[in-house]
Amino acid sequence: MPESTPTTRVCRDCDGFAAAAITTGTRHPDGTRATLRVACPGCKGTGRTLPAALVRVGK
């Protein structure tokens, strides 16, 4: 009988893809593109969320 593995909760906002690289349209002097790294605001770039019982509200 296989053992069950603990599942991590995937962020529902980003579906596990926590960061994206967005090109700005400009280029650096060496020809590479200028990019911005944007993190998911829901999970703050981790790709996972905590169960509601473990989230601490307030300070």
N, C-alpha and C. Protein backbone atom coordinates (compact mmCIF):
# COMPACT_ATOMS: atom_id res chain seq x y z
N MET A 1 0.85 -1.18 0.00
CA MET A 1 0.00 0.00 0.00
C MET A 1 0.90 1.24 0.00
N PRO A 2 0.70 2.16 -0.94
CA PRO A 2 1.56 3.34 -1.01
C PRO A 2 1.29 4.30 0.16
N GLU A 3 2.36 4.95 0.56
CA GLU A 3 2.23 5.95 1.61
C GLU A 3 1.69 7.24 1.02
N SER A 4 0.91 7.93 1.80
CA SER A 4 0.39 9.22 1.31
C SER A 4 1.45 10.29 1.55
N THR A 5 1.60 11.15 0.59
CA THR A 5 2.55 12.25 0.72
C THR A 5 1.79 13.51 1.11
N PRO A 6 2.37 14.32 1.97
CA PRO A 6 1.69 15.56 2.35
C PRO A 6 1.62 16.50 1.15
N THR A 7 0.47 17.04 0.92
CA THR A 7 0.30 17.95 -0.21
C THR A 7 0.47 19.39 0.26
N THR A 8 1.13 20.18 -0.53
CA THR A 8 1.25 21.60 -0.22
C THR A 8 0.14 22.33 -0.95
N ARG A 9 -0.38 23.33 -0.32
CA ARG A 9 -1.46 24.08 -0.90
C ARG A 9 -0.91 25.07 -1.90
N VAL A 10 -1.38 24.98 -3.13
CA VAL A 10 -0.94 25.88 -4.20
C VAL A 10 -1.77 27.15 -4.11
N CYS A 11 -1.11 28.26 -4.33
CA CYS A 11 -1.78 29.57 -4.28
C CYS A 11 -2.88 29.62 -5.35
N ARG A 12 -4.06 30.03 -4.95
CA ARG A 12 -5.18 30.07 -5.91
C ARG A 12 -5.09 31.26 -6.85
N ASP A 13 -4.32 32.28 -6.48
CA ASP A 13 -4.20 33.46 -7.33
C ASP A 13 -3.24 33.22 -8.51
N CYS A 14 -2.12 32.56 -8.24
CA CYS A 14 -1.11 32.38 -9.29
C CYS A 14 -0.97 30.94 -9.75
N ASP A 15 -1.67 30.01 -9.10
CA ASP A 15 -1.64 28.59 -9.44
C ASP A 15 -0.23 28.01 -9.39
N GLY A 16 0.58 28.50 -8.46
CA GLY A 16 1.93 27.99 -8.27
C GLY A 16 3.01 28.70 -9.06
N PHE A 17 2.63 29.53 -10.02
CA PHE A 17 3.60 30.31 -10.79
C PHE A 17 3.70 31.68 -10.12
N ALA A 18 4.54 31.77 -9.10
CA ALA A 18 4.54 32.91 -8.19
C ALA A 18 5.21 34.17 -8.72
N ALA A 19 6.07 34.04 -9.71
CA ALA A 19 6.77 35.21 -10.21
C ALA A 19 6.75 35.22 -11.73
N ALA A 20 6.77 36.41 -12.28
CA ALA A 20 6.78 36.57 -13.73
C ALA A 20 7.81 37.62 -14.09
N ALA A 21 8.47 37.42 -15.21
CA ALA A 21 9.42 38.41 -15.73
C ALA A 21 8.73 39.14 -16.88
N ILE A 22 8.62 40.44 -16.76
CA ILE A 22 7.91 41.26 -17.73
C ILE A 22 8.92 42.16 -18.42
N THR A 23 8.91 42.15 -19.74
CA THR A 23 9.84 43.03 -20.46
C THR A 23 9.27 44.44 -20.50
N THR A 24 10.16 45.41 -20.41
CA THR A 24 9.73 46.80 -20.41
C THR A 24 9.71 47.40 -21.80
N GLY A 25 10.31 46.69 -22.77
CA GLY A 25 10.37 47.21 -24.13
C GLY A 25 11.66 47.92 -24.45
N THR A 26 12.44 48.22 -23.42
CA THR A 26 13.74 48.88 -23.66
C THR A 26 14.85 47.84 -23.64
N ARG A 27 16.01 48.23 -24.13
CA ARG A 27 17.17 47.35 -24.16
C ARG A 27 18.35 48.00 -23.45
N HIS A 28 19.20 47.16 -22.87
CA HIS A 28 20.43 47.62 -22.25
C HIS A 28 21.46 47.88 -23.36
N PRO A 29 22.54 48.59 -23.07
CA PRO A 29 23.56 48.86 -24.09
C PRO A 29 24.15 47.60 -24.73
N ASP A 30 24.14 46.47 -24.01
CA ASP A 30 24.69 45.24 -24.59
C ASP A 30 23.67 44.47 -25.43
N GLY A 31 22.45 44.98 -25.56
CA GLY A 31 21.44 44.38 -26.40
C GLY A 31 20.41 43.53 -25.68
N THR A 32 20.63 43.22 -24.40
CA THR A 32 19.67 42.42 -23.66
C THR A 32 18.46 43.27 -23.28
N ARG A 33 17.34 42.62 -23.05
CA ARG A 33 16.11 43.34 -22.71
C ARG A 33 16.06 43.67 -21.22
N ALA A 34 15.49 44.81 -20.91
CA ALA A 34 15.27 45.19 -19.51
C ALA A 34 13.98 44.53 -19.04
N THR A 35 14.06 43.80 -17.92
CA THR A 35 12.89 43.09 -17.41
C THR A 35 12.62 43.48 -15.97
N LEU A 36 11.38 43.28 -15.56
CA LEU A 36 10.97 43.48 -14.18
C LEU A 36 10.48 42.14 -13.64
N ARG A 37 10.85 41.80 -12.40
CA ARG A 37 10.36 40.58 -11.77
C ARG A 37 9.20 40.99 -10.88
N VAL A 38 8.05 40.38 -11.11
CA VAL A 38 6.85 40.72 -10.35
C VAL A 38 6.40 39.48 -9.59
N ALA A 39 6.21 39.62 -8.29
CA ALA A 39 5.79 38.51 -7.44
C ALA A 39 4.28 38.57 -7.21
N CYS A 40 3.68 37.41 -7.01
CA CYS A 40 2.25 37.31 -6.74
C CYS A 40 1.93 37.99 -5.41
N PRO A 41 0.95 38.89 -5.37
CA PRO A 41 0.62 39.55 -4.11
C PRO A 41 -0.10 38.62 -3.12
N GLY A 42 -0.71 37.56 -3.61
CA GLY A 42 -1.43 36.64 -2.72
C GLY A 42 -0.51 35.80 -1.86
N CYS A 43 0.54 35.25 -2.46
CA CYS A 43 1.46 34.37 -1.73
C CYS A 43 2.81 35.02 -1.50
N LYS A 44 2.99 36.23 -1.99
CA LYS A 44 4.24 36.99 -1.87
C LYS A 44 5.43 36.27 -2.50
N GLY A 45 5.16 35.59 -3.62
CA GLY A 45 6.23 34.98 -4.39
C GLY A 45 6.64 33.58 -3.99
N THR A 46 5.90 32.93 -3.09
CA THR A 46 6.27 31.57 -2.68
C THR A 46 5.59 30.50 -3.51
N GLY A 47 4.41 30.78 -4.05
CA GLY A 47 3.67 29.79 -4.83
C GLY A 47 2.78 28.90 -4.00
N ARG A 48 2.86 29.05 -2.69
CA ARG A 48 2.06 28.23 -1.78
C ARG A 48 1.31 29.12 -0.80
N THR A 49 0.27 28.59 -0.24
CA THR A 49 -0.49 29.31 0.77
C THR A 49 -0.59 28.46 2.02
N LEU A 50 -0.84 29.10 3.12
CA LEU A 50 -1.05 28.40 4.38
C LEU A 50 -2.54 28.14 4.57
N PRO A 51 -2.90 27.06 5.27
CA PRO A 51 -4.30 26.86 5.59
C PRO A 51 -4.82 28.04 6.42
N ALA A 52 -6.09 28.32 6.30
CA ALA A 52 -6.69 29.48 6.96
C ALA A 52 -6.49 29.43 8.47
N ALA A 53 -6.44 28.26 9.05
CA ALA A 53 -6.26 28.13 10.50
C ALA A 53 -4.88 28.59 10.96
N LEU A 54 -3.90 28.58 10.06
CA LEU A 54 -2.54 28.96 10.43
C LEU A 54 -2.19 30.41 10.14
N VAL A 55 -3.07 31.10 9.44
CA VAL A 55 -2.80 32.50 9.07
C VAL A 55 -3.07 33.38 10.27
N ARG A 56 -2.11 34.23 10.59
CA ARG A 56 -2.26 35.14 11.71
C ARG A 56 -2.76 36.48 11.21
N VAL A 57 -3.84 36.96 11.75
CA VAL A 57 -4.44 38.21 11.32
C VAL A 57 -3.96 39.34 12.21
N GLY A 58 -3.69 40.48 11.61
CA GLY A 58 -3.25 41.65 12.38
C GLY A 58 -1.76 41.68 12.55
N LYS A 59 -1.31 42.29 13.63
CA LYS A 59 0.14 42.43 13.88
C LYS A 59 0.60 41.21 14.53
